Amino acid sequence: MAVSKDKTFSVLVLTGNFMNDFMSIIVFAILDLIDFLLCYAYRVVDFTFEAGWKPCYCSSAGEASSKIVLERGETKTNVCLSSSKFQLEGMSDTLYTRSSLISEVSKLTNVSGLKTETNSVIQRIDKFIKGRLRSPSFNIIEMLQGKIGDQQSHHAPRWSDCDCQTCNAWSFSTGDTLFLKAEGTLGNAEENVIFIHGFISSSAFWTETLFPNFSKSVKSRYRLFAFDLLGFGKSPKPNDSFYTIREHLEMIERSVLEHNKVKSFHIVAHSLGCILALALAVKYPGSVKSLTLIAPPYFQAPKGEKATQYVMRRLAPRRVWPMIAFGASVACWYEHIGRTICLVLCKNHRVWEFLIKLLTRNRMRTYLIEGFCCHTHNAAWHTLHNIICGSAGKMEAYLDVLEKNMTCNVNIFHGRDDELIPLECSYNVQSRVPRSRVEIIENKDHLTIVVGRQKAFARELEEIWNSSSNLSS
């Protein structure tokens, strides 16, 4: 009887996987076509509203290379580009090297006869699409020349970006710094804590959850800093930024460390913020007193595979189920569909917030929705690729420094039910930094590991900081 049940379960699993694969092929093939058409549609609309169109990263798989000189005033920059190598610091090759789903269909086809016929059709369709796309080098050259040589102000929002006061208050300020919220002691603080939020989020992820739940003792001794990352929330969203790790770190240094004279600090980071936390810790190894990572996206690429491409496939597997994987795939693989989603959600975020408050009779706090909607497509697209995917080749070096050259406590938290960042990522960090402590939180996912258990997590953080301070004293 048990054998029969096992066979039935196996058949159901195989059937479910087949249906998921089959539907994924259809859905993503349609999305491939839609994104292809939107590429040209946005050029027409951009030209209508802005008297010119913004170059995109649509590329073919062919090899093409170019050498250019970018000029801005008296400054000249030599850049060598090809579809397989992009010699510009901080830029991920996943921005312009993303094969269409059509070319991957054969990998999901297991029936030999059908596979041969399918491959023939795939090759013809793929050749048709690729033949109509410009070379990656040409598009990127246009983009670089536009960004580096543009004399217009990068403060003005594009027609497809939100122009409300919340999203653009930064453009009227004299200083180019991140939106920062600080709590705790106003005098000479014994300790400092820096909170770094994740992708398409904001400082409210911390200030609305943890900050109200820290004890009076902590607030009398610590300065707590939470900020909106470059391109998100109320922070600057420059159109001419590539949102690389270097740009993000420079803004954190200028807005938090230098402005507030922070010499030593604890770090608490979530998801994408964990990568920036590691980069910041490696840059200031003697200043970090403890490092707390929540769901760190560290995928160990197999030997022989390009780390950036491997991370993109793991994070965005181009599957319709689970839904969080579908959402990540759309955001990562489709530049123009992603821009359309931002146009609908972000440009109209005030409408969505109003409707939610109306439907819930103002009983639902909307800080997560505000953090999700207050960004530009340019910021989200480049941050996703240049930080999460582009850092794949740097994570090994970051963790080596953390293990060999630093002595701070490393604590890692991960929700058991996290469908976006798998548990293996936290264990991968622990394998590189054996002294790190990994705690798996049952019945919690990527967000609820903090949201909903903020009181318990606030106490856990206080214990981490106290123990780290006792070790250093």
Protein backbone atom coordinates (compact mmCIF):
# COMPACT_ATOMS: atom_id res chain seq x y z
CA MET A 1 0.00 0.00 0.00
CA ALA A 2 2.83 2.37 0.90
CA VAL A 3 4.55 1.55 -2.41
CA SER A 4 1.37 2.42 -4.31
CA LYS A 5 1.10 5.77 -2.54
CA ASP A 6 4.73 6.56 -3.32
CA LYS A 7 4.17 5.78 -6.99
CA THR A 8 1.05 7.95 -7.07
CA PHE A 9 2.93 10.81 -5.42
CA SER A 10 5.84 10.45 -7.86
CA VAL A 11 3.44 10.55 -10.82
CA LEU A 12 1.77 13.69 -9.44
CA VAL A 13 5.14 15.37 -8.93
CA LEU A 14 6.28 14.50 -12.46
CA THR A 15 2.97 15.70 -13.88
CA GLY A 16 3.19 18.94 -11.93
CA ASN A 17 6.77 19.56 -13.07
CA PHE A 18 5.83 18.82 -16.67
CA MET A 19 2.90 21.24 -16.54
CA ASN A 20 5.09 23.90 -14.93
CA ASP A 21 7.74 23.45 -17.63
CA PHE A 22 5.15 23.40 -20.42
CA MET A 23 3.36 26.52 -19.20
CA SER A 24 6.71 28.24 -18.62
CA ILE A 25 7.69 27.64 -22.24
CA ILE A 26 4.47 29.19 -23.51
CA VAL A 27 4.32 32.12 -21.08
CA PHE A 28 7.96 33.14 -21.42
CA ALA A 29 7.94 32.74 -25.20
CA ILE A 30 5.05 35.23 -25.25
CA LEU A 31 6.96 37.52 -22.87
CA ASP A 32 10.01 37.31 -25.16
CA LEU A 33 7.88 38.60 -28.03
CA ILE A 34 6.20 41.29 -25.94
CA ASP A 35 9.52 42.62 -24.66
CA PHE A 36 10.86 42.65 -28.22
CA LEU A 37 7.88 44.74 -29.39
CA LEU A 38 8.02 47.04 -26.37
CA CYS A 39 11.63 47.86 -27.23
CA TYR A 40 10.47 49.68 -30.34
CA ALA A 41 7.28 51.01 -28.79
CA TYR A 42 9.24 52.80 -26.06
CA ARG A 43 11.57 54.34 -28.64
CA VAL A 44 8.60 55.93 -30.34
CA VAL A 45 7.04 57.14 -27.09
CA ASP A 46 10.38 58.37 -25.69
CA PHE A 47 11.02 60.29 -28.89
CA THR A 48 7.56 61.85 -28.65
CA PHE A 49 7.93 62.96 -25.03
CA GLU A 50 11.70 63.55 -24.80
CA ALA A 51 12.78 64.28 -28.39
CA GLY A 52 15.01 61.21 -28.28
CA TRP A 53 15.07 57.65 -27.06
CA LYS A 54 17.15 56.06 -24.37
CA PRO A 55 19.37 53.20 -25.60
CA CYS A 56 18.57 49.80 -24.09
CA TYR A 57 20.45 46.56 -23.51
CA CYS A 58 18.73 44.49 -26.20
CA SER A 59 21.47 42.38 -27.72
CA SER A 60 22.15 39.46 -29.96
CA ALA A 61 24.30 36.48 -29.09
CA GLY A 62 26.84 37.20 -31.79
CA GLU A 63 30.32 38.41 -31.04
CA ALA A 64 30.85 42.10 -31.69
CA SER A 65 33.41 44.46 -30.27
CA SER A 66 34.24 48.12 -30.36
CA LYS A 67 36.66 50.61 -28.86
CA ILE A 68 35.37 54.06 -28.08
CA VAL A 69 36.49 57.22 -26.39
CA LEU A 70 33.94 58.91 -24.16
CA GLU A 71 34.45 62.62 -23.58
CA ARG A 72 33.03 64.96 -20.97
CA GLY A 73 34.73 68.31 -20.91
CA GLU A 74 38.46 67.62 -20.71
CA THR A 75 37.97 64.10 -19.35
CA LYS A 76 38.40 61.18 -21.73
CA THR A 77 37.59 57.55 -20.97
CA ASN A 78 38.69 54.60 -23.09
CA VAL A 79 36.22 51.72 -23.05
CA CYS A 80 36.51 48.36 -24.80
CA LEU A 81 33.23 46.54 -25.38
CA SER A 82 32.23 43.14 -26.67
CA SER A 83 29.23 40.89 -26.24
CA SER A 84 31.29 38.54 -24.10
CA LYS A 85 33.31 41.06 -22.11
CA PHE A 86 32.45 44.49 -20.81
CA GLN A 87 35.53 46.28 -19.53
CA LEU A 88 33.88 48.77 -17.24
CA GLU A 89 34.14 48.41 -13.49
CA GLY A 90 30.98 47.33 -11.74
CA MET A 91 28.89 46.49 -14.82
CA SER A 92 27.40 43.00 -15.03
CA ASP A 93 27.41 41.10 -18.31
CA THR A 94 23.86 39.93 -17.47
CA LEU A 95 22.64 43.38 -18.49
CA TYR A 96 23.23 42.62 -22.16
CA THR A 97 23.72 38.83 -22.33
CA ARG A 98 20.38 37.16 -21.74
CA SER A 99 19.34 34.39 -24.09
CA SER A 100 15.67 34.10 -24.97
CA LEU A 101 13.59 31.27 -23.58
CA ILE A 102 13.09 30.00 -27.12
CA SER A 103 16.72 28.88 -27.26
CA GLU A 104 16.28 26.97 -24.00
CA VAL A 105 13.18 24.96 -24.95
CA SER A 106 15.26 21.99 -26.09
CA LYS A 107 16.63 21.57 -22.57
CA LEU A 108 13.14 20.80 -21.32
CA THR A 109 12.21 18.42 -24.15
CA ASN A 110 13.01 14.81 -23.31
CA VAL A 111 11.25 12.91 -26.10
CA SER A 112 13.93 12.30 -28.73
CA GLY A 113 11.72 12.56 -31.80
CA LEU A 114 9.94 15.67 -30.56
CA LYS A 115 13.25 17.14 -29.43
CA THR A 116 14.75 17.00 -32.92
CA GLU A 117 11.76 18.70 -34.50
CA THR A 118 11.49 21.25 -31.67
CA ASN A 119 15.16 22.18 -31.94
CA SER A 120 14.77 22.89 -35.65
CA VAL A 121 11.84 25.22 -35.00
CA ILE A 122 13.66 26.87 -32.09
CA GLN A 123 16.74 27.59 -34.17
CA ARG A 124 14.70 29.20 -36.94
CA ILE A 125 12.69 31.38 -34.53
CA ASP A 126 15.74 32.33 -32.48
CA LYS A 127 17.67 33.26 -35.63
CA PHE A 128 14.74 35.37 -36.81
CA ILE A 129 14.58 37.34 -33.54
CA LYS A 130 18.34 37.74 -33.09
CA GLY A 131 18.78 38.90 -36.66
CA ARG A 132 16.60 41.91 -35.91
CA LEU A 133 18.34 43.00 -32.76
CA ARG A 134 21.28 45.38 -32.81
CA SER A 135 24.64 44.26 -31.51
CA PRO A 136 25.17 44.70 -27.76
CA SER A 137 28.22 46.87 -28.29
CA PHE A 138 26.29 49.41 -30.35
CA ASN A 139 23.54 49.76 -27.75
CA ILE A 140 25.92 50.04 -24.81
CA ILE A 141 28.11 52.56 -26.61
CA GLU A 142 25.02 54.70 -27.17
CA MET A 143 24.06 54.37 -23.54
CA LEU A 144 27.51 55.25 -22.23
CA GLN A 145 27.84 58.22 -24.54
CA GLY A 146 24.42 59.41 -23.43
CA LYS A 147 25.12 58.99 -19.73
CA ILE A 148 28.69 60.25 -19.62
CA GLY A 149 28.40 62.93 -22.26
CA ASP A 150 24.96 64.22 -21.39
CA GLN A 151 25.07 67.82 -20.27
CA GLN A 152 21.45 67.87 -19.12
CA SER A 153 20.55 67.62 -15.48
CA HIS A 154 20.06 64.07 -14.27
CA HIS A 155 17.60 65.31 -11.65
CA ALA A 156 14.59 65.70 -13.93
CA PRO A 157 12.39 62.57 -13.89
CA ARG A 158 11.61 60.82 -17.15
CA TRP A 159 8.05 60.81 -18.44
CA SER A 160 7.59 57.22 -17.24
CA ASP A 161 8.89 57.95 -13.70
CA CYS A 162 6.90 59.38 -10.81
CA ASP A 163 7.28 63.14 -10.35
CA CYS A 164 5.61 63.46 -6.94
CA GLN A 165 7.21 65.34 -4.06
CA THR A 166 8.03 62.16 -2.15
CA CYS A 167 9.97 60.60 -5.01
CA ASN A 168 11.69 63.81 -6.14
CA ALA A 169 12.34 65.83 -2.99
CA TRP A 170 16.03 65.00 -3.41
CA SER A 171 16.24 66.90 -6.70
CA PHE A 172 15.55 70.19 -4.90
CA SER A 173 18.20 69.75 -2.21
CA THR A 174 21.68 71.21 -2.40
CA GLY A 175 23.47 68.04 -1.27
CA ASP A 176 23.50 64.74 -3.12
CA THR A 177 23.04 62.43 -0.14
CA LEU A 178 20.82 59.50 0.78
CA PHE A 179 17.61 59.91 2.73
CA LEU A 180 18.62 58.99 6.27
CA LYS A 181 16.63 58.37 9.42
CA ALA A 182 18.59 58.25 12.67
CA GLU A 183 17.34 57.32 16.12
CA GLY A 184 18.93 56.78 19.49
CA THR A 185 21.24 58.96 21.50
CA LEU A 186 21.97 62.43 20.18
CA GLY A 187 25.17 62.79 22.19
CA ASN A 188 28.37 60.80 22.02
CA ALA A 189 27.17 57.31 21.16
CA GLU A 190 28.92 54.27 22.55
CA GLU A 191 27.89 52.27 19.50
CA ASN A 192 26.56 52.80 15.97
CA VAL A 193 24.35 50.47 13.94
CA ILE A 194 23.87 50.68 10.17
CA PHE A 195 20.77 49.05 8.64
CA ILE A 196 20.78 48.22 4.91
CA HIS A 197 17.48 47.21 3.28
CA GLY A 198 16.97 44.84 0.37
CA PHE A 199 15.84 45.15 -3.24
CA ILE A 200 12.89 47.47 -4.03
CA SER A 201 12.46 48.33 -0.38
CA SER A 202 13.29 51.31 1.83
CA SER A 203 14.49 52.36 5.27
CA ALA A 204 10.91 51.90 6.50
CA PHE A 205 11.58 48.16 6.47
CA TRP A 206 13.60 48.85 9.64
CA THR A 207 12.12 52.04 11.07
CA GLU A 208 8.54 50.73 11.05
CA THR A 209 9.42 47.34 12.51
CA LEU A 210 12.58 47.22 14.61
CA PHE A 211 13.17 50.82 15.68
CA PRO A 212 10.01 51.08 17.84
CA ASN A 213 10.90 47.80 19.56
CA PHE A 214 14.44 48.48 20.71
CA SER A 215 14.82 48.94 24.42
CA LYS A 216 15.42 52.30 26.10
CA SER A 217 18.84 51.05 27.11
CA VAL A 218 19.84 50.52 23.49
CA LYS A 219 18.46 53.87 22.37
CA SER A 220 20.41 55.62 25.14
CA ARG A 221 23.70 54.05 24.05
CA TYR A 222 23.40 53.45 20.31
CA ARG A 223 22.88 55.56 17.23
CA LEU A 224 20.67 53.71 14.77
CA PHE A 225 21.00 54.64 11.08
CA ALA A 226 18.54 53.47 8.42
CA PHE A 227 18.64 54.95 4.92
CA ASP A 228 17.07 54.52 1.50
CA LEU A 229 19.56 53.10 -0.95
CA LEU A 230 20.52 55.09 -4.03
CA GLY A 231 17.58 54.97 -6.45
CA PHE A 232 14.99 53.89 -3.88
CA GLY A 233 12.53 55.52 -1.49
CA LYS A 234 13.28 59.19 -0.90
CA SER A 235 16.95 58.95 -1.91
CA PRO A 236 18.38 60.39 -5.15
CA LYS A 237 17.42 58.56 -8.33
CA PRO A 238 19.85 59.93 -10.95
CA ASN A 239 19.11 58.93 -14.53
CA ASP A 240 22.81 58.86 -15.41
CA SER A 241 23.79 56.32 -12.75
CA PHE A 242 24.61 52.67 -13.42
CA TYR A 243 23.96 51.85 -9.73
CA THR A 244 27.14 49.83 -9.30
CA ILE A 245 28.53 48.64 -5.96
CA ARG A 246 31.02 51.51 -6.02
CA GLU A 247 28.27 54.10 -6.49
CA HIS A 248 26.14 52.61 -3.71
CA LEU A 249 29.10 52.46 -1.30
CA GLU A 250 30.19 56.01 -2.05
CA MET A 251 26.72 57.29 -1.20
CA ILE A 252 26.65 55.30 2.05
CA GLU A 253 30.07 56.64 3.01
CA ARG A 254 29.14 60.23 2.21
CA SER A 255 25.65 60.17 3.74
CA VAL A 256 26.23 58.04 6.84
CA LEU A 257 29.87 57.47 7.79
CA GLU A 258 31.40 60.85 6.91
CA HIS A 259 28.41 63.06 7.64
CA ASN A 260 27.87 61.54 11.10
CA LYS A 261 31.54 60.87 11.89
CA VAL A 262 30.93 57.15 12.34
CA LYS A 263 34.20 55.37 13.16
CA SER A 264 32.99 51.93 14.24
CA PHE A 265 29.66 50.22 13.67
CA HIS A 266 27.50 47.12 13.64
CA ILE A 267 25.77 46.18 10.37
CA VAL A 268 22.33 44.64 9.90
CA ALA A 269 21.39 43.84 6.29
CA HIS A 270 18.59 42.08 4.43
CA SER A 271 18.73 40.24 1.09
CA LEU A 272 20.48 42.42 -1.56
CA GLY A 273 21.65 44.65 1.29
CA CYS A 274 23.84 41.75 2.50
CA ILE A 275 26.06 42.15 -0.56
CA LEU A 276 26.53 45.85 0.13
CA ALA A 277 27.11 45.03 3.81
CA LEU A 278 29.94 42.64 2.90
CA ALA A 279 31.47 45.17 0.51
CA LEU A 280 31.29 47.86 3.19
CA ALA A 281 32.77 45.54 5.83
CA VAL A 282 35.65 44.57 3.56
CA LYS A 283 36.39 48.24 2.90
CA TYR A 284 36.39 49.03 6.65
CA PRO A 285 37.55 45.76 8.24
CA GLY A 286 38.75 47.39 11.44
CA SER A 287 35.53 49.31 12.01
CA VAL A 288 32.95 46.52 11.92
CA LYS A 289 31.97 45.19 15.36
CA SER A 290 29.32 42.68 14.24
CA LEU A 291 27.72 41.61 10.98
CA THR A 292 24.13 40.37 10.85
CA LEU A 293 22.94 39.05 7.49
CA ILE A 294 19.31 38.15 6.75
CA ALA A 295 18.78 35.85 3.73
CA PRO A 296 22.12 36.63 2.01
CA PRO A 297 21.96 35.87 -1.76
CA TYR A 298 25.23 33.93 -2.08
CA PHE A 299 25.10 31.24 -4.77
CA GLN A 300 28.25 29.19 -5.29
CA ALA A 301 28.71 28.73 -9.04
CA PRO A 302 30.00 25.33 -10.21
CA LYS A 303 33.46 25.22 -11.74
CA GLY A 304 33.46 26.16 -15.39
CA GLU A 305 30.27 28.24 -15.19
CA LYS A 306 30.22 32.01 -15.37
CA ALA A 307 29.19 33.16 -11.90
CA THR A 308 27.03 36.09 -13.04
CA GLN A 309 24.99 33.99 -15.45
CA TYR A 310 24.64 31.18 -12.91
CA VAL A 311 23.28 33.54 -10.26
CA MET A 312 20.80 35.03 -12.72
CA ARG A 313 19.49 31.57 -13.61
CA ARG A 314 19.18 30.54 -9.96
CA LEU A 315 17.53 33.75 -8.84
CA ALA A 316 15.32 34.06 -11.91
CA PRO A 317 14.69 30.53 -13.26
CA ARG A 318 12.01 31.59 -15.78
CA ARG A 319 9.29 29.47 -14.27
CA VAL A 320 5.63 30.39 -13.77
CA TRP A 321 5.59 28.67 -10.39
CA PRO A 322 6.26 29.52 -7.62
CA MET A 323 4.94 33.03 -8.14
CA ILE A 324 7.90 34.68 -6.44
CA ALA A 325 10.21 32.97 -8.95
CA PHE A 326 7.97 34.18 -11.78
CA GLY A 327 8.13 37.75 -10.49
CA ALA A 328 11.93 37.60 -10.13
CA SER A 329 12.24 36.17 -13.65
CA VAL A 330 10.16 38.93 -15.22
CA ALA A 331 12.14 41.60 -13.34
CA CYS A 332 15.51 40.11 -14.27
CA TRP A 333 15.05 38.98 -17.85
CA TYR A 334 12.80 41.64 -19.39
CA GLU A 335 14.04 45.21 -19.49
CA HIS A 336 11.02 46.71 -21.25
CA ILE A 337 8.33 44.68 -19.49
CA GLY A 338 10.00 45.72 -16.25
CA ARG A 339 9.77 49.34 -17.29
CA THR A 340 6.08 48.87 -18.06
CA ILE A 341 5.46 47.41 -14.62
CA CYS A 342 7.25 50.40 -13.06
CA LEU A 343 5.14 52.72 -15.20
CA VAL A 344 1.94 51.14 -13.88
CA LEU A 345 2.96 50.63 -10.24
CA CYS A 346 5.57 53.25 -9.40
CA LYS A 347 4.34 56.22 -11.38
CA ASN A 348 0.87 55.67 -9.90
CA HIS A 349 1.88 54.58 -6.40
CA ARG A 350 -0.24 57.29 -4.80
CA VAL A 351 -3.33 55.80 -6.44
CA TRP A 352 -2.54 52.29 -5.20
CA GLU A 353 -1.84 53.52 -1.68
CA PHE A 354 -5.14 55.43 -1.66
CA LEU A 355 -7.09 52.40 -2.89
CA ILE A 356 -5.54 50.09 -0.32
CA LYS A 357 -6.28 52.50 2.50
CA LEU A 358 -9.82 52.93 1.20
CA LEU A 359 -10.48 49.20 0.90
CA THR A 360 -8.99 48.45 4.32
CA ARG A 361 -10.61 51.52 5.91
CA ASN A 362 -7.17 52.85 6.70
CA ARG A 363 -6.40 49.87 8.95
CA MET A 364 -3.46 48.61 6.88
CA ARG A 365 -0.04 50.23 7.15
CA THR A 366 1.35 50.76 3.68
CA TYR A 367 5.08 51.23 4.37
CA LEU A 368 6.00 48.02 2.51
CA ILE A 369 3.97 49.10 -0.51
CA GLU A 370 5.54 52.57 -0.44
CA GLY A 371 9.00 51.01 -0.34
CA PHE A 372 8.08 48.67 -3.18
CA CYS A 373 6.78 51.44 -5.43
CA CYS A 374 9.14 54.36 -4.76
CA HIS A 375 11.92 53.71 -7.25
CA THR A 376 12.67 54.15 -10.94
CA HIS A 377 13.08 51.40 -13.48
CA ASN A 378 16.61 52.59 -14.24
CA ALA A 379 17.54 52.18 -10.56
CA ALA A 380 15.85 48.80 -10.09
CA TRP A 381 17.14 47.31 -13.34
CA HIS A 382 20.77 48.29 -12.83
CA THR A 383 20.82 47.54 -9.10
CA LEU A 384 19.39 44.07 -9.66
CA HIS A 385 21.96 43.18 -12.31
CA ASN A 386 25.02 45.08 -11.09
CA ILE A 387 24.65 44.21 -7.40
CA ILE A 388 23.08 40.75 -7.17
CA CYS A 389 24.31 39.24 -10.44
CA GLY A 390 27.39 41.40 -10.96
CA SER A 391 28.77 40.75 -7.48
CA ALA A 392 28.80 36.97 -8.00
CA GLY A 393 32.47 37.00 -8.91
CA LYS A 394 33.35 39.24 -5.94
CA MET A 395 31.62 37.36 -3.15
CA GLU A 396 34.41 34.83 -2.82
CA ALA A 397 36.93 37.61 -2.20
CA TYR A 398 34.61 39.39 0.25
CA LEU A 399 34.13 36.24 2.31
CA ASP A 400 37.85 35.47 2.24
CA VAL A 401 38.59 38.85 3.79
CA LEU A 402 35.80 38.35 6.33
CA GLU A 403 37.24 34.98 7.37
CA LYS A 404 40.97 35.74 7.28
CA ASN A 405 41.29 39.44 8.11
CA MET A 406 38.31 40.17 10.37
CA THR A 407 37.29 38.92 13.81
CA CYS A 408 33.79 40.37 14.18
CA ASN A 409 30.80 38.18 15.03
CA VAL A 410 28.86 37.00 11.99
CA ASN A 411 25.21 36.01 12.49
CA ILE A 412 22.95 34.79 9.70
CA PHE A 413 19.16 34.49 9.81
CA HIS A 414 17.05 32.74 7.20
CA GLY A 415 13.34 31.91 6.96
CA ARG A 416 12.58 28.23 6.43
CA ASP A 417 9.85 29.10 3.92
CA ASP A 418 11.89 31.60 1.89
CA GLU A 419 11.10 30.83 -1.77
CA LEU A 420 13.23 33.61 -3.21
CA ILE A 421 16.62 33.02 -1.57
CA PRO A 422 17.13 29.30 -0.76
CA LEU A 423 18.53 28.14 2.59
CA GLU A 424 21.66 26.89 0.87
CA CYS A 425 22.78 30.51 0.42
CA SER A 426 23.18 30.99 4.18
CA TYR A 427 24.95 27.67 4.55
CA ASN A 428 27.22 28.66 1.65
CA VAL A 429 28.31 31.72 3.63
CA GLN A 430 28.92 29.57 6.70
CA SER A 431 31.05 27.17 4.65
CA ARG A 432 33.33 30.09 3.73
CA VAL A 433 33.21 31.72 7.19
CA PRO A 434 33.02 28.79 9.67
CA ARG A 435 32.70 31.04 12.74
CA SER A 436 29.39 32.43 11.47
CA ARG A 437 26.22 31.30 13.21
CA VAL A 438 23.22 30.34 11.08
CA GLU A 439 19.75 30.40 12.59
CA ILE A 440 16.80 29.08 10.59
CA ILE A 441 13.46 30.60 11.57
CA GLU A 442 10.55 28.19 11.14
CA ASN A 443 7.39 29.20 9.27
CA LYS A 444 8.93 32.47 8.06
CA ASP A 445 9.68 33.62 4.52
CA HIS A 446 11.75 36.36 2.88
CA LEU A 447 9.80 39.22 4.51
CA THR A 448 8.14 37.72 7.56
CA ILE A 449 11.50 36.78 8.99
CA VAL A 450 11.47 40.43 10.16
CA VAL A 451 7.95 41.72 9.56
CA GLY A 452 5.69 40.10 12.13
CA ARG A 453 8.46 39.01 14.50
CA GLN A 454 10.05 42.41 15.03
CA LYS A 455 9.91 42.29 18.81
CA ALA A 456 11.74 38.96 19.00
CA PHE A 457 14.24 40.00 16.37
CA ALA A 458 14.94 43.31 18.14
CA ARG A 459 15.85 41.35 21.29
CA GLU A 460 18.09 39.02 19.26
CA LEU A 461 19.94 41.96 17.75
CA GLU A 462 20.46 43.56 21.15
CA GLU A 463 22.03 40.34 22.40
CA ILE A 464 24.33 40.19 19.37
CA TRP A 465 25.48 43.79 19.88
CA ASN A 466 26.03 43.34 23.61
CA SER A 467 28.05 40.18 23.17
CA SER A 468 30.12 41.78 20.39
CA SER A 469 30.83 44.80 22.61
CA ASN A 470 31.88 42.54 25.51
CA LEU A 471 34.29 40.65 23.24
CA SER A 472 35.90 43.84 21.93
CA SER A 473 36.28 45.42 25.40
